[in-house]
Amino acid sequence: KIRSVTSKDNACIYYDPLNKSCTIYAYRPLQCRVLK
């Protein structure tokens, strides 16, 4: 898996909370591409 920020913060490390966006969006993994 892509790791979380910390053991207490489950957020994906590639998530940008300020802009509410993915920092690797152009090549995000399969699960992210199909998730609705």
Full PDB file with SEQRES, HELIX, SHEET, SSBOND, CRYST1, ORIGX, SCALE, CONECT and MASTER records, all heavy atoms in Angstrom:
SEQRES   1 A   36  LYS ILE ARG SER VAL THR SER LYS ASP ASN ALA CYS ILE          
SEQRES   2 A   36  TYR TYR ASP PRO LEU ASN LYS SER CYS THR ILE TYR ALA          
SEQRES   3 A   36  TYR ARG PRO LEU GLN CYS ARG VAL LEU LYS                      
HELIX    1 AA1 TYR A   25  TYR A   27  5                                   3    
HELIX    2 AA2 LEU A   30  VAL A   34  1                                   5    
SHEET    1 AA1 2 TYR A  15  ASP A  16  0                                        
SHEET    2 AA1 2 SER A  21  CYS A  22 -1                                        
CRYST1    1.000    1.000    1.000  90.00  90.00  90.00 P 1           1          
ORIGX1      1.000000  0.000000  0.000000        0.00000                         
ORIGX2      0.000000  1.000000  0.000000        0.00000                         
ORIGX3      0.000000  0.000000  1.000000        0.00000                         
SCALE1      1.000000  0.000000  0.000000        0.00000                         
SCALE2      0.000000  1.000000  0.000000        0.00000                         
SCALE3      0.000000  0.000000  1.000000        0.00000                         
ATOM      1  N   LYS A   1       0.837  -1.197   0.000  1.00  0.00           N  
ATOM      2  CA  LYS A   1       0.000   0.000   0.000  1.00  0.00           C  
ATOM      3  C   LYS A   1       0.872   1.248   0.000  1.00  0.00           C  
ATOM      4  O   LYS A   1       2.017   1.231   0.464  1.00  0.00           O  
ATOM      5  CB  LYS A   1      -0.870   0.045   1.269  1.00  0.00           C  
ATOM      6  CG  LYS A   1      -1.943  -1.015   1.364  1.00  0.00           C  
ATOM      7  CD  LYS A   1      -2.840  -0.744   2.567  1.00  0.00           C  
ATOM      8  CE  LYS A   1      -3.604   0.555   2.417  1.00  0.00           C  
ATOM      9  NZ  LYS A   1      -4.586   0.757   3.506  1.00  0.00           N  
ATOM     10  N   ILE A   2       0.305   2.343  -0.479  1.00  0.00           N  
ATOM     11  CA  ILE A   2       0.920   3.645  -0.245  1.00  0.00           C  
ATOM     12  C   ILE A   2       0.735   3.967   1.230  1.00  0.00           C  
ATOM     13  O   ILE A   2      -0.369   3.823   1.769  1.00  0.00           O  
ATOM     14  CB  ILE A   2       0.281   4.722  -1.143  1.00  0.00           C  
ATOM     15  CG1 ILE A   2       0.612   4.444  -2.613  1.00  0.00           C  
ATOM     16  CG2 ILE A   2       0.764   6.115  -0.745  1.00  0.00           C  
ATOM     17  CD1 ILE A   2      -0.002   5.422  -3.583  1.00  0.00           C  
ATOM     18  N   ARG A   3       1.810   4.354   1.877  1.00  0.00           N  
ATOM     19  CA  ARG A   3       1.752   4.544   3.323  1.00  0.00           C  
ATOM     20  C   ARG A   3       0.934   5.768   3.723  1.00  0.00           C  
ATOM     21  O   ARG A   3       0.699   6.682   2.911  1.00  0.00           O  
ATOM     22  CB  ARG A   3       3.156   4.636   3.915  1.00  0.00           C  
ATOM     23  CG  ARG A   3       3.952   5.854   3.560  1.00  0.00           C  
ATOM     24  CD  ARG A   3       5.249   5.957   4.364  1.00  0.00           C  
ATOM     25  NE  ARG A   3       6.127   4.839   4.185  1.00  0.00           N  
ATOM     26  CZ  ARG A   3       6.322   3.884   5.112  1.00  0.00           C  
ATOM     27  NH1 ARG A   3       5.690   3.955   6.269  1.00  0.00           N  
ATOM     28  NH2 ARG A   3       7.154   2.891   4.891  1.00  0.00           N  
ATOM     29  N   SER A   4       0.514   5.776   4.969  1.00  0.00           N  
ATOM     30  CA  SER A   4      -0.209   6.914   5.537  1.00  0.00           C  
ATOM     31  C   SER A   4       0.791   7.947   6.060  1.00  0.00           C  
ATOM     32  O   SER A   4       1.990   7.669   6.190  1.00  0.00           O  
ATOM     33  CB  SER A   4      -1.121   6.450   6.670  1.00  0.00           C  
ATOM     34  OG  SER A   4      -2.097   5.547   6.188  1.00  0.00           O  
ATOM     35  N   VAL A   5       0.299   9.112   6.380  1.00  0.00           N  
ATOM     36  CA  VAL A   5       1.165  10.195   6.849  1.00  0.00           C  
ATOM     37  C   VAL A   5       1.893   9.786   8.127  1.00  0.00           C  
ATOM     38  O   VAL A   5       3.118   9.865   8.218  1.00  0.00           O  
ATOM     39  CB  VAL A   5       0.344  11.480   7.086  1.00  0.00           C  
ATOM     40  CG1 VAL A   5       1.211  12.570   7.708  1.00  0.00           C  
ATOM     41  CG2 VAL A   5      -0.254  11.969   5.770  1.00  0.00           C  
ATOM     42  N   THR A   6       1.146   9.317   9.110  1.00  0.00           N  
ATOM     43  CA  THR A   6       1.718   8.805  10.359  1.00  0.00           C  
ATOM     44  C   THR A   6       0.825   7.684  10.868  1.00  0.00           C  
ATOM     45  O   THR A   6      -0.242   7.409  10.305  1.00  0.00           O  
ATOM     46  CB  THR A   6       1.807   9.901  11.451  1.00  0.00           C  
ATOM     47  OG1 THR A   6       0.470  10.261  11.862  1.00  0.00           O  
ATOM     48  CG2 THR A   6       2.539  11.134  10.951  1.00  0.00           C  
ATOM     49  N   SER A   7       1.234   7.054  11.958  1.00  0.00           N  
ATOM     50  CA  SER A   7       0.416   5.997  12.551  1.00  0.00           C  
ATOM     51  C   SER A   7      -0.888   6.546  13.111  1.00  0.00           C  
ATOM     52  O   SER A   7      -1.865   5.813  13.287  1.00  0.00           O  
ATOM     53  CB  SER A   7       1.201   5.285  13.666  1.00  0.00           C  
ATOM     54  OG  SER A   7       1.567   6.211  14.676  1.00  0.00           O  
ATOM     55  N   LYS A   8      -0.929   7.854  13.392  1.00  0.00           N  
ATOM     56  CA  LYS A   8      -2.137   8.471  13.943  1.00  0.00           C  
ATOM     57  C   LYS A   8      -2.916   9.260  12.898  1.00  0.00           C  
ATOM     58  O   LYS A   8      -4.049   9.656  13.144  1.00  0.00           O  
ATOM     59  CB  LYS A   8      -1.762   9.388  15.114  1.00  0.00           C  
ATOM     60  CG  LYS A   8      -1.189   8.640  16.314  1.00  0.00           C  
ATOM     61  CD  LYS A   8      -0.889   9.575  17.457  1.00  0.00           C  
ATOM     62  CE  LYS A   8      -0.330   8.818  18.657  1.00  0.00           C  
ATOM     63  NZ  LYS A   8      -0.021   9.720  19.785  1.00  0.00           N  
ATOM     64  N   ASP A   9      -2.298   9.499  11.749  1.00  0.00           N  
ATOM     65  CA  ASP A   9      -2.950  10.224  10.653  1.00  0.00           C  
ATOM     66  C   ASP A   9      -3.000   9.297   9.447  1.00  0.00           C  
ATOM     67  O   ASP A   9      -1.993   9.069   8.784  1.00  0.00           O  
ATOM     68  CB  ASP A   9      -2.158  11.494  10.325  1.00  0.00           C  
ATOM     69  CG  ASP A   9      -2.817  12.338   9.241  1.00  0.00           C  
ATOM     70  OD1 ASP A   9      -3.800  11.867   8.622  1.00  0.00           O  
ATOM     71  OD2 ASP A   9      -2.345  13.464   8.995  1.00  0.00           O  
ATOM     72  N   ASN A  10      -4.175   8.749   9.168  1.00  0.00           N  
ATOM     73  CA  ASN A  10      -4.326   7.745   8.113  1.00  0.00           C  
ATOM     74  C   ASN A  10      -4.277   8.299   6.704  1.00  0.00           C  
ATOM     75  O   ASN A  10      -4.275   7.535   5.736  1.00  0.00           O  
ATOM     76  CB  ASN A  10      -5.646   6.977   8.304  1.00  0.00           C  
ATOM     77  CG  ASN A  10      -5.576   6.014   9.466  1.00  0.00           C  
ATOM     78  OD1 ASN A  10      -4.517   5.484   9.790  1.00  0.00           O  
ATOM     79  ND2 ASN A  10      -6.716   5.789  10.112  1.00  0.00           N  
ATOM     80  N   ALA A  11      -4.247   9.602   6.559  1.00  0.00           N  
ATOM     81  CA  ALA A  11      -4.296  10.200   5.222  1.00  0.00           C  
ATOM     82  C   ALA A  11      -3.160   9.688   4.343  1.00  0.00           C  
ATOM     83  O   ALA A  11      -2.032   9.490   4.791  1.00  0.00           O  
ATOM     84  CB  ALA A  11      -4.223  11.720   5.327  1.00  0.00           C  
ATOM     85  N   CYS A  12      -3.465   9.450   3.079  1.00  0.00           N  
ATOM     86  CA  CYS A  12      -2.461   9.060   2.095  1.00  0.00           C  
ATOM     87  C   CYS A  12      -1.382  10.141   2.026  1.00  0.00           C  
ATOM     88  O   CYS A  12      -1.689  11.342   2.018  1.00  0.00           O  
ATOM     89  CB  CYS A  12      -3.128   8.891   0.731  1.00  0.00           C  
ATOM     90  SG  CYS A  12      -1.970   8.557  -0.628  1.00  0.00           S  
ATOM     91  N   ILE A  13      -0.111   9.730   1.949  1.00  0.00           N  
ATOM     92  CA  ILE A  13       0.975  10.718   1.955  1.00  0.00           C  
ATOM     93  C   ILE A  13       0.966  11.603   0.710  1.00  0.00           C  
ATOM     94  O   ILE A  13       1.590  12.660   0.705  1.00  0.00           O  
ATOM     95  CB  ILE A  13       2.353  10.046   2.088  1.00  0.00           C  
ATOM     96  CG1 ILE A  13       2.584   9.054   0.953  1.00  0.00           C  
ATOM     97  CG2 ILE A  13       2.521   9.404   3.430  1.00  0.00           C  
ATOM     98  CD1 ILE A  13       4.006   8.593   0.867  1.00  0.00           C  
ATOM     99  N   TYR A  14       0.272  11.175  -0.335  1.00  0.00           N  
ATOM    100  CA  TYR A  14       0.217  11.977  -1.555  1.00  0.00           C  
ATOM    101  C   TYR A  14      -0.982  12.930  -1.584  1.00  0.00           C  
ATOM    102  O   TYR A  14      -1.190  13.628  -2.581  1.00  0.00           O  
ATOM    103  CB  TYR A  14       0.186  11.068  -2.786  1.00  0.00           C  
ATOM    104  CG  TYR A  14       1.478  10.334  -3.012  1.00  0.00           C  
ATOM    105  CD1 TYR A  14       1.512   8.947  -3.061  1.00  0.00           C  
ATOM    106  CD2 TYR A  14       2.683  11.018  -3.175  1.00  0.00           C  
ATOM    107  CE1 TYR A  14       2.702   8.254  -3.267  1.00  0.00           C  
ATOM    108  CE2 TYR A  14       3.875  10.344  -3.379  1.00  0.00           C  
ATOM    109  CZ  TYR A  14       3.879   8.966  -3.429  1.00  0.00           C  
ATOM    110  OH  TYR A  14       5.054   8.287  -3.630  1.00  0.00           O  
ATOM    111  N   TYR A  15      -1.742  12.959  -0.511  1.00  0.00           N  
ATOM    112  CA  TYR A  15      -2.904  13.856  -0.456  1.00  0.00           C  
ATOM    113  C   TYR A  15      -2.465  15.238   0.025  1.00  0.00           C  
ATOM    114  O   TYR A  15      -1.745  15.367   1.024  1.00  0.00           O  
ATOM    115  CB  TYR A  15      -3.970  13.297   0.481  1.00  0.00           C  
ATOM    116  CG  TYR A  15      -5.177  14.190   0.647  1.00  0.00           C  
ATOM    117  CD1 TYR A  15      -5.977  14.513  -0.445  1.00  0.00           C  
ATOM    118  CD2 TYR A  15      -5.518  14.719   1.888  1.00  0.00           C  
ATOM    119  CE1 TYR A  15      -7.081  15.342  -0.309  1.00  0.00           C  
ATOM    120  CE2 TYR A  15      -6.628  15.530   2.044  1.00  0.00           C  
ATOM    121  CZ  TYR A  15      -7.403  15.844   0.944  1.00  0.00           C  
ATOM    122  OH  TYR A  15      -8.500  16.668   1.079  1.00  0.00           O  
ATOM    123  N   ASP A  16      -2.881  16.253  -0.694  1.00  0.00           N  
ATOM    124  CA  ASP A  16      -2.603  17.644  -0.323  1.00  0.00           C  
ATOM    125  C   ASP A  16      -3.861  18.210   0.334  1.00  0.00           C  
ATOM    126  O   ASP A  16      -4.817  18.573  -0.364  1.00  0.00           O  
ATOM    127  CB  ASP A  16      -2.252  18.448  -1.583  1.00  0.00           C  
ATOM    128  CG  ASP A  16      -2.033  19.928  -1.292  1.00  0.00           C  
ATOM    129  OD1 ASP A  16      -2.189  20.350  -0.132  1.00  0.00           O  
ATOM    130  OD2 ASP A  16      -1.706  20.668  -2.244  1.00  0.00           O  
ATOM    131  N   PRO A  17      -3.886  18.286   1.679  1.00  0.00           N  
ATOM    132  CA  PRO A  17      -5.109  18.724   2.364  1.00  0.00           C  
ATOM    133  C   PRO A  17      -5.448  20.189   2.128  1.00  0.00           C  
ATOM    134  O   PRO A  17      -6.613  20.576   2.177  1.00  0.00           O  
ATOM    135  CB  PRO A  17      -4.787  18.468   3.845  1.00  0.00           C  
ATOM    136  CG  PRO A  17      -3.295  18.492   3.919  1.00  0.00           C  
ATOM    137  CD  PRO A  17      -2.811  17.942   2.615  1.00  0.00           C  
ATOM    138  N   LEU A  18      -4.430  21.006   1.853  1.00  0.00           N  
ATOM    139  CA  LEU A  18      -4.687  22.432   1.629  1.00  0.00           C  
ATOM    140  C   LEU A  18      -5.518  22.651   0.375  1.00  0.00           C  
ATOM    141  O   LEU A  18      -6.486  23.416   0.366  1.00  0.00           O  
ATOM    142  CB  LEU A  18      -3.357  23.193   1.530  1.00  0.00           C  
ATOM    143  CG  LEU A  18      -3.475  24.711   1.386  1.00  0.00           C  
ATOM    144  CD1 LEU A  18      -4.158  25.319   2.608  1.00  0.00           C  
ATOM    145  CD2 LEU A  18      -2.094  25.336   1.189  1.00  0.00           C  
ATOM    146  N   ASN A  19      -5.138  21.950  -0.684  1.00  0.00           N  
ATOM    147  CA  ASN A  19      -5.852  22.099  -1.961  1.00  0.00           C  
ATOM    148  C   ASN A  19      -6.856  20.978  -2.211  1.00  0.00           C  
ATOM    149  O   ASN A  19      -7.511  20.955  -3.257  1.00  0.00           O  
ATOM    150  CB  ASN A  19      -4.845  22.140  -3.111  1.00  0.00           C  
ATOM    151  CG  ASN A  19      -3.943  23.353  -3.050  1.00  0.00           C  
ATOM    152  OD1 ASN A  19      -4.425  24.475  -2.999  1.00  0.00           O  
ATOM    153  ND2 ASN A  19      -2.633  23.124  -3.037  1.00  0.00           N  
ATOM    154  N   LYS A  20      -6.934  20.049  -1.262  1.00  0.00           N  
ATOM    155  CA  LYS A  20      -7.812  18.883  -1.391  1.00  0.00           C  
ATOM    156  C   LYS A  20      -7.595  18.200  -2.740  1.00  0.00           C  
ATOM    157  O   LYS A  20      -8.527  18.008  -3.532  1.00  0.00           O  
ATOM    158  CB  LYS A  20      -9.282  19.282  -1.221  1.00  0.00           C  
ATOM    159  CG  LYS A  20      -9.629  19.729   0.190  1.00  0.00           C  
ATOM    160  CD  LYS A  20     -11.125  19.934   0.382  1.00  0.00           C  
ATOM    161  CE  LYS A  20     -11.455  20.260   1.830  1.00  0.00           C  
ATOM    162  NZ  LYS A  20     -12.906  20.440   2.040  1.00  0.00           N  
ATOM    163  N   SER A  21      -6.342  17.855  -2.979  1.00  0.00           N  
ATOM    164  CA  SER A  21      -5.989  17.270  -4.264  1.00  0.00           C  
ATOM    165  C   SER A  21      -4.916  16.204  -4.094  1.00  0.00           C  
ATOM    166  O   SER A  21      -4.279  16.097  -3.038  1.00  0.00           O  
ATOM    167  CB  SER A  21      -5.488  18.358  -5.218  1.00  0.00           C  
ATOM    168  OG  SER A  21      -4.303  18.953  -4.704  1.00  0.00           O  
ATOM    169  N   CYS A  22      -4.712  15.421  -5.144  1.00  0.00           N  
ATOM    170  CA  CYS A  22      -3.707  14.365  -5.161  1.00  0.00           C  
ATOM    171  C   CYS A  22      -2.452  14.878  -5.862  1.00  0.00           C  
ATOM    172  O   CYS A  22      -2.525  15.377  -6.982  1.00  0.00           O  
ATOM    173  CB  CYS A  22      -4.263  13.138  -5.892  1.00  0.00           C  
ATOM    174  SG  CYS A  22      -3.043  11.837  -6.156  1.00  0.00           S  
ATOM    175  N   THR A  23      -1.294  14.734  -5.217  1.00  0.00           N  
ATOM    176  CA  THR A  23      -0.056  15.250  -5.798  1.00  0.00           C  
ATOM    177  C   THR A  23       0.511  14.330  -6.884  1.00  0.00           C  
ATOM    178  O   THR A  23       1.474  14.688  -7.555  1.00  0.00           O  
ATOM    179  CB  THR A  23       1.006  15.454  -4.700  1.00  0.00           C  
ATOM    180  OG1 THR A  23       1.256  14.212  -4.034  1.00  0.00           O  
ATOM    181  CG2 THR A  23       0.544  16.488  -3.677  1.00  0.00           C  
ATOM    182  N   ILE A  24      -0.078  13.141  -7.046  1.00  0.00           N  
ATOM    183  CA  ILE A  24       0.351  12.244  -8.130  1.00  0.00           C  
ATOM    184  C   ILE A  24      -0.856  11.873  -9.000  1.00  0.00           C  
ATOM    185  O   ILE A  24      -0.918  10.778  -9.551  1.00  0.00           O  
ATOM    186  CB  ILE A  24       1.037  10.970  -7.584  1.00  0.00           C  
ATOM    187  CG1 ILE A  24       0.073  10.200  -6.664  1.00  0.00           C  
ATOM    188  CG2 ILE A  24       2.329  11.290  -6.888  1.00  0.00           C  
ATOM    189  CD1 ILE A  24       0.532   8.778  -6.362  1.00  0.00           C  
ATOM    190  N   TYR A  25      -1.787  12.782  -9.142  1.00  0.00           N  
ATOM    191  CA  TYR A  25      -3.053  12.485  -9.806  1.00  0.00           C  
ATOM    192  C   TYR A  25      -2.865  11.918 -11.215  1.00  0.00           C  
ATOM    193  O   TYR A  25      -3.571  10.995 -11.622  1.00  0.00           O  
ATOM    194  CB  TYR A  25      -3.928  13.737  -9.872  1.00  0.00           C  
ATOM    195  CG  TYR A  25      -5.316  13.471 -10.413  1.00  0.00           C  
ATOM    196  CD1 TYR A  25      -6.310  12.971  -9.578  1.00  0.00           C  
ATOM    197  CD2 TYR A  25      -5.626  13.699 -11.752  1.00  0.00           C  
ATOM    198  CE1 TYR A  25      -7.584  12.704 -10.063  1.00  0.00           C  
ATOM    199  CE2 TYR A  25      -6.891  13.437 -12.248  1.00  0.00           C  
ATOM    200  CZ  TYR A  25      -7.875  12.931 -11.394  1.00  0.00           C  
ATOM    201  OH  TYR A  25      -9.122  12.658 -11.885  1.00  0.00           O  
ATOM    202  N   ALA A  26      -1.902  12.433 -11.956  1.00  0.00           N  
ATOM    203  CA  ALA A  26      -1.713  12.010 -13.355  1.00  0.00           C  
ATOM    204  C   ALA A  26      -1.306  10.541 -13.459  1.00  0.00           C  
ATOM    205  O   ALA A  26      -1.551   9.897 -14.482  1.00  0.00           O  
ATOM    206  CB  ALA A  26      -0.659  12.885 -14.029  1.00  0.00           C  
ATOM    207  N   TYR A  27      -0.699  10.006 -12.421  1.00  0.00           N  
ATOM    208  CA  TYR A  27      -0.313   8.589 -12.432  1.00  0.00           C  
ATOM    209  C   TYR A  27      -0.738   7.893 -11.147  1.00  0.00           C  
ATOM    210  O   TYR A  27      -0.018   7.074 -10.585  1.00  0.00           O  
ATOM    211  CB  TYR A  27       1.202   8.431 -12.675  1.00  0.00           C  
ATOM    212  CG  TYR A  27       2.071   9.483 -12.021  1.00  0.00           C  
ATOM    213  CD1 TYR A  27       2.538   9.338 -10.724  1.00  0.00           C  
ATOM    214  CD2 TYR A  27       2.425  10.637 -12.730  1.00  0.00           C  
ATOM    215  CE1 TYR A  27       3.333  10.311 -10.140  1.00  0.00           C  
ATOM    216  CE2 TYR A  27       3.218  11.612 -12.155  1.00  0.00           C  
ATOM    217  CZ  TYR A  27       3.674  11.442 -10.858  1.00  0.00           C  
ATOM    218  OH  TYR A  27       4.454  12.411 -10.284  1.00  0.00           O  
ATOM    219  N   ARG A  28      -1.939   8.227 -10.696  1.00  0.00           N  
ATOM    220  CA  ARG A  28      -2.500   7.609  -9.503  1.00  0.00           C  
ATOM    221  C   ARG A  28      -2.747   6.115  -9.755  1.00  0.00           C  
ATOM    222  O   ARG A  28      -2.999   5.698 -10.882  1.00  0.00           O  
ATOM    223  CB  ARG A  28      -3.785   8.314  -9.080  1.00  0.00           C  
ATOM    224  CG  ARG A  28      -4.923   8.218 -10.086  1.00  0.00           C  
ATOM    225  CD  ARG A  28      -5.957   9.310  -9.832  1.00  0.00           C  
ATOM    226  NE  ARG A  28      -7.137   9.179 -10.693  1.00  0.00           N  
ATOM    227  CZ  ARG A  28      -7.175   9.585 -11.963  1.00  0.00           C  
ATOM    228  NH1 ARG A  28      -6.103  10.086 -12.535  1.00  0.00           N  
ATOM    229  NH2 ARG A  28      -8.289   9.467 -12.662  1.00  0.00           N  
ATOM    230  N   PRO A  29      -2.690   5.305  -8.684  1.00  0.00           N  
ATOM    231  CA  PRO A  29      -2.859   3.850  -8.838  1.00  0.00           C  
ATOM    232  C   PRO A  29      -4.267   3.448  -9.276  1.00  0.00           C  
ATOM    233  O   PRO A  29      -5.219   4.243  -9.239  1.00  0.00           O  
ATOM    234  CB  PRO A  29      -2.558   3.316  -7.430  1.00  0.00           C  
ATOM    235  CG  PRO A  29      -1.730   4.370  -6.788  1.00  0.00           C  
ATOM    236  CD  PRO A  29      -2.266   5.674  -7.334  1.00  0.00           C  
ATOM    237  N   LEU A  30      -4.382   2.174  -9.658  1.00  0.00           N  
ATOM    238  CA  LEU A  30      -5.631   1.629 -10.178  1.00  0.00           C  
ATOM    239  C   LEU A  30      -6.808   1.865  -9.246  1.00  0.00           C  
ATOM    240  O   LEU A  30      -7.881   2.301  -9.681  1.00  0.00           O  
ATOM    241  CB  LEU A  30      -5.462   0.121 -10.432  1.00  0.00           C  
ATOM    242  CG  LEU A  30      -6.725  -0.630 -10.870  1.00  0.00           C  
ATOM    243  CD1 LEU A  30      -7.174  -0.158 -12.243  1.00  0.00           C  
ATOM    244  CD2 LEU A  30      -6.478  -2.133 -10.864  1.00  0.00           C  
ATOM    245  N   GLN A  31      -6.654   1.552  -7.951  1.00  0.00           N  
ATOM    246  CA  GLN A  31      -7.775   1.701  -7.025  1.00  0.00           C  
ATOM    247  C   GLN A  31      -8.305   3.125  -7.009  1.00  0.00           C  
ATOM    248  O   GLN A  31      -9.521   3.342  -6.930  1.00  0.00           O  
ATOM    249  CB  GLN A  31      -7.363   1.274  -5.611  1.00  0.00           C  
ATOM    250  CG  GLN A  31      -7.268  -0.221  -5.425  1.00  0.00           C  
ATOM    251  CD  GLN A  31      -7.120  -0.615  -3.960  1.00  0.00           C  
ATOM    252  OE1 GLN A  31      -7.312   0.202  -3.052  1.00  0.00           O  
ATOM    253  NE2 GLN A  31      -6.772  -1.868  -3.718  1.00  0.00           N  
ATOM    254  N   CYS A  32      -7.400   4.099  -7.090  1.00  0.00           N  
ATOM    255  CA  CYS A  32      -7.823   5.504  -7.094  1.00  0.00           C  
ATOM    256  C   CYS A  32      -8.536   5.856  -8.397  1.00  0.00           C  
ATOM    257  O   CYS A  32      -9.482   6.651  -8.395  1.00  0.00           O  
ATOM    258  CB  CYS A  32      -6.617   6.412  -6.895  1.00  0.00           C  
ATOM    259  SG  CYS A  32      -5.706   6.111  -5.375  1.00  0.00           S  
ATOM    260  N   ARG A  33      -8.085   5.258  -9.491  1.00  0.00           N  
ATOM    261  CA  ARG A  33      -8.706   5.566 -10.789  1.00  0.00           C  
ATOM    262  C   ARG A  33     -10.130   5.035 -10.881  1.00  0.00           C  
ATOM    263  O   ARG A  33     -10.986   5.662 -11.519  1.00  0.00           O  
ATOM    264  CB  ARG A  33      -7.857   4.989 -11.933  1.00  0.00           C  
ATOM    265  CG  ARG A  33      -6.467   5.584 -12.032  1.00  0.00           C  
ATOM    266  CD  ARG A  33      -5.839   5.329 -13.397  1.00  0.00           C  
ATOM    267  NE  ARG A  33      -5.719   3.915 -13.732  1.00  0.00           N  
ATOM    268  CZ  ARG A  33      -4.664   3.157 -13.420  1.00  0.00           C  
ATOM    269  NH1 ARG A  33      -3.661   3.681 -12.738  1.00  0.00           N  
ATOM    270  NH2 ARG A  33      -4.615   1.891 -13.789  1.00  0.00           N  
ATOM    271  N   VAL A  34     -10.381   3.873 -10.278  1.00  0.00           N  
ATOM    272  CA  VAL A  34     -11.715   3.274 -10.420  1.00  0.00           C  
ATOM    273  C   VAL A  34     -12.669   3.653  -9.291  1.00  0.00           C  
ATOM    274  O   VAL A  34     -13.882   3.441  -9.405  1.00  0.00           O  
ATOM    275  CB  VAL A  34     -11.630   1.730 -10.504  1.00  0.00           C  
ATOM    276  CG1 VAL A  34     -10.736   1.315 -11.662  1.00  0.00           C  
ATOM    277  CG2 VAL A  34     -11.144   1.121  -9.194  1.00  0.00           C  
ATOM    278  N   LEU A  35     -12.127   4.220  -8.214  1.00  0.00           N  
ATOM    279  CA  LEU A  35     -12.972   4.518  -7.052  1.00  0.00           C  
ATOM    280  C   LEU A  35     -13.967   5.634  -7.339  1.00  0.00           C  
ATOM    281  O   LEU A  35     -13.600   6.723  -7.778  1.00  0.00           O  
ATOM    282  CB  LEU A  35     -12.113   4.912  -5.848  1.00  0.00           C  
ATOM    283  CG  LEU A  35     -12.887   5.377  -4.605  1.00  0.00           C  
ATOM    284  CD1 LEU A  35     -13.786   4.251  -4.086  1.00  0.00           C  
ATOM    285  CD2 LEU A  35     -11.949   5.853  -3.522  1.00  0.00           C  
ATOM    286  N   LYS A  36     -15.225   5.337  -7.094  1.00  0.00           N  
ATOM    287  CA  LYS A  36     -16.288   6.340  -7.075  1.00  0.00           C  
ATOM    288  C   LYS A  36     -17.018   6.121  -5.752  1.00  0.00           C  
ATOM    289  O   LYS A  36     -17.657   5.082  -5.564  1.00  0.00           O  
ATOM    290  CB  LYS A  36     -17.243   6.166  -8.258  1.00  0.00           C  
ATOM    291  CG  LYS A  36     -16.575   6.331  -9.613  1.00  0.00           C  
ATOM    292  CD  LYS A  36     -17.582   6.304 -10.754  1.00  0.00           C  
ATOM    293  CE  LYS A  36     -18.139   4.915 -11.012  1.00  0.00           C  
ATOM    294  NZ  LYS A  36     -17.162   4.026 -11.670  1.00  0.00           N  
TER     295      LYS A  36                                                      
MASTER        0    0    0    2    2    0    0    6  294    1    0    3          
END                                                                             
